C-alpha cells in the first residue's frame, strides 16, 4: 500500500513538473514575440560614449539606439550636458541633425559628435567649450518624431573633460 502511495506522489510530481515546463516555454515564446512590437512614442537606449577621458581636440561620440513604430524621427534632438563640478550645472540644447544623419526607418542609431575645445575640421561635430578644471560630465538625449511624440530620456555614463 505504501508503495502505491509513493508512486502516486511521484506521478503527481512529474505532472506538475511537466506543466511548469510547458508554462515556462509558453511565457518565453510570448515574451520573444512581444519584443518586436514598437511603440508610437520613440524609445531610445544609451549605447556608448567615448572616450572616457577627453582632452583638447578630442571628438566625443555619444550613441543611442532608437525604435519608433511609424519610423518618422525628425531632424531635431534635445541633448543635455550635466557637469558634476563643485557647482553642478545642466545645459539643455536643441540640435538639428545633418539631413544625412537623420535615421530612416523604425529602428537605428543616433550618434552625436562633440569636438572638445576645438572646432572640427569638417564641421561634423558640435563644438564643446574647454573646461577650466577637470570636470566629470554626462550627456543625455531626448528625441521627438514628426507627430510630436516625445521619447524617453537617456543618459550616458560619466566621462572626464580635462582642463586646458
Protein backbone atom coordinates (compact mmCIF):
# COMPACT_ATOMS: atom_id res chain seq x y z
CA UNK A 1 0.00 0.00 0.00
CA UNK A 2 2.81 2.41 0.88
CA UNK A 3 4.50 1.74 -2.47
CA UNK A 4 1.28 2.61 -4.30
CA UNK A 5 1.00 5.92 -2.41
CA UNK A 6 4.63 6.78 -3.19
CA UNK A 7 4.08 6.03 -6.87
CA UNK A 8 1.01 8.29 -6.93
CA UNK A 9 3.01 11.13 -5.35
CA UNK A 10 5.83 10.68 -7.89
CA UNK A 11 3.34 10.66 -10.79
CA UNK A 12 1.66 13.80 -9.43
CA UNK A 13 5.07 15.49 -9.03
CA UNK A 14 6.05 14.60 -12.63
CA UNK A 15 2.77 16.01 -13.96
CA UNK A 16 3.36 19.27 -12.07
CA UNK A 17 6.94 19.46 -13.33
CA UNK A 18 5.79 18.93 -16.94
CA UNK A 19 3.07 21.54 -16.55
CA UNK A 20 5.56 24.03 -15.11
CA UNK A 21 7.99 23.45 -18.00
CA UNK A 22 5.23 23.90 -20.57
CA UNK A 23 4.04 27.14 -18.95
CA UNK A 24 7.62 28.45 -18.84
CA UNK A 25 8.08 27.67 -22.53
CA UNK A 26 4.84 29.48 -23.41
CA UNK A 27 5.88 32.54 -21.40
CA UNK A 28 9.26 32.65 -23.18
CA UNK A 29 7.62 32.35 -26.59
CA UNK A 30 5.14 35.11 -25.73
CA UNK A 31 7.94 37.39 -24.47
CA UNK A 32 10.03 36.78 -27.60
CA UNK A 33 7.14 37.62 -29.91
CA UNK A 34 6.23 40.77 -27.97
CA UNK A 35 9.82 42.07 -28.25
CA UNK A 36 9.35 43.06 -31.92
CA UNK A 37 6.50 45.46 -31.14
CA UNK A 38 7.44 49.14 -31.35
CA UNK A 39 5.67 51.94 -29.53
CA UNK A 40 4.16 55.02 -31.16
CA UNK A 41 6.37 57.17 -28.93
CA UNK A 42 10.03 56.83 -29.91
CA UNK A 43 12.05 54.73 -27.46
CA UNK A 44 15.77 55.30 -27.04
CA UNK A 45 18.52 53.44 -25.21
CA UNK A 46 22.03 54.59 -24.39
CA UNK A 47 24.65 52.54 -26.25
CA UNK A 48 28.05 54.15 -25.82
CA UNK A 49 30.17 57.21 -25.19
CA UNK A 50 33.86 57.57 -25.95
CA UNK A 51 36.48 58.44 -24.99
CA UNK A 52 36.11 58.12 -21.20
CA UNK A 53 38.66 60.96 -20.74
CA UNK A 54 38.71 63.80 -23.28
CA UNK A 55 41.49 66.30 -23.87
CA UNK A 56 41.52 69.36 -26.12
CA UNK A 57 40.93 68.36 -29.73
CA UNK A 58 39.24 65.02 -28.99
CA UNK A 59 35.99 64.07 -30.68
CA UNK A 60 33.45 62.73 -28.16
CA UNK A 61 30.96 60.29 -29.67
CA UNK A 62 27.61 59.73 -27.93
CA UNK A 63 25.50 56.94 -29.46
CA UNK A 64 21.95 55.80 -28.67
CA UNK A 65 19.66 53.32 -30.38
CA UNK A 66 16.02 54.06 -31.10
CA UNK A 67 12.78 52.37 -32.12
CA UNK A 68 9.68 54.13 -33.47
CA UNK A 69 6.53 52.42 -34.77
CA UNK A 70 5.95 54.92 -37.59
CA UNK A 71 9.62 55.48 -38.46
CA UNK A 72 9.17 59.25 -38.54
CA UNK A 73 12.08 60.52 -36.46
CA UNK A 74 12.73 64.15 -37.29
CA UNK A 75 15.93 66.16 -37.60
CA UNK A 76 15.90 67.83 -34.18
CA UNK A 77 17.03 66.32 -30.92
CA UNK A 78 17.40 67.74 -27.45
CA UNK A 79 20.60 66.92 -25.67
CA UNK A 80 21.63 67.67 -22.13
CA UNK A 81 25.10 68.11 -20.68
CA UNK A 82 25.34 67.61 -16.92
CA UNK A 83 28.51 68.85 -15.25
CA UNK A 84 29.32 67.28 -11.89
CA UNK A 85 31.60 70.03 -10.59
CA UNK A 86 31.73 71.98 -7.33
CA UNK A 87 28.66 73.78 -8.62
CA UNK A 88 26.74 71.26 -10.77
CA UNK A 89 25.25 72.66 -13.96
CA UNK A 90 22.88 71.38 -16.62
CA UNK A 91 22.84 72.71 -20.18
CA UNK A 92 19.89 71.80 -22.42
CA UNK A 93 20.40 72.40 -26.13
CA UNK A 94 18.18 71.73 -29.13
CA UNK A 95 20.24 70.48 -32.04
CA UNK A 96 19.34 69.94 -35.69
CA UNK A 97 20.91 66.84 -37.17
CA UNK A 98 22.56 66.89 -40.56
CA UNK A 99 19.88 65.63 -43.01
CA UNK A 100 22.19 62.74 -43.92
CA UNK A 101 22.35 61.81 -40.23
CA UNK A 102 18.59 61.53 -39.74
CA UNK A 103 17.78 57.88 -39.16
CA UNK A 104 15.38 56.36 -41.65
CA UNK A 105 13.16 53.51 -40.58
CA UNK A 106 11.64 52.07 -37.46
CA UNK A 107 14.91 51.41 -35.65
CA UNK A 108 18.51 52.53 -35.81
CA UNK A 109 21.23 54.53 -34.11
CA UNK A 110 21.59 58.23 -33.41
CA UNK A 111 25.16 59.46 -32.99
CA UNK A 112 26.09 62.93 -31.84
CA UNK A 113 29.70 64.05 -32.02
CA UNK A 114 31.26 66.82 -29.95
CA UNK A 115 34.58 68.46 -30.66
CA UNK A 116 36.15 69.28 -27.30
CA UNK A 117 37.90 72.65 -27.22
CA UNK A 118 38.50 72.97 -30.97
CA UNK A 119 36.24 73.29 -33.97
CA UNK A 120 36.27 70.13 -36.07
CA UNK A 121 37.98 70.41 -39.45
CA UNK A 122 34.86 69.36 -41.38
CA UNK A 123 32.27 70.91 -39.02
CA UNK A 124 30.79 67.44 -38.45
CA UNK A 125 30.94 67.80 -34.66
CA UNK A 126 29.23 70.22 -32.28
CA UNK A 127 31.74 72.47 -30.52
CA UNK A 128 32.10 71.89 -26.78
CA UNK A 129 33.93 74.52 -24.68
CA UNK A 130 37.08 73.63 -22.77
CA UNK A 131 36.64 73.28 -19.04
CA UNK A 132 38.76 75.36 -16.63
CA UNK A 133 39.12 72.41 -14.24
CA UNK A 134 38.90 68.65 -14.80
CA UNK A 135 35.15 68.00 -14.86
CA UNK A 136 33.02 64.89 -14.93
CA UNK A 137 30.08 65.15 -17.31
CA UNK A 138 27.30 63.01 -18.69
CA UNK A 139 25.30 63.50 -21.86
CA UNK A 140 21.55 62.99 -22.14
CA UNK A 141 19.26 62.69 -25.14
CA UNK A 142 15.58 63.14 -25.94
CA UNK A 143 14.01 62.92 -29.41
CA UNK A 144 10.64 63.68 -30.97
CA UNK A 145 9.00 62.33 -34.10
CA UNK A 146 7.12 64.27 -36.77
CA UNK A 147 3.81 63.64 -34.99
CA UNK A 148 5.19 65.36 -31.89
CA UNK A 149 5.59 62.22 -29.80
CA UNK A 150 8.42 62.62 -27.30
CA UNK A 151 10.77 59.78 -26.40
CA UNK A 152 12.02 58.71 -23.03
CA UNK A 153 15.19 60.39 -21.73
CA UNK A 154 18.50 58.50 -21.71
CA UNK A 155 21.80 59.49 -20.14
CA UNK A 156 25.35 58.34 -20.76
CA UNK A 157 27.91 57.15 -18.30
CA UNK A 158 30.11 59.88 -16.84
CA UNK A 159 33.27 60.89 -18.69
CA UNK A 160 36.02 63.33 -17.71
CA UNK A 161 36.77 66.54 -19.61
CA UNK A 162 40.35 67.58 -18.90
CA UNK A 163 41.16 71.24 -18.32
CA UNK A 164 43.43 73.26 -20.61
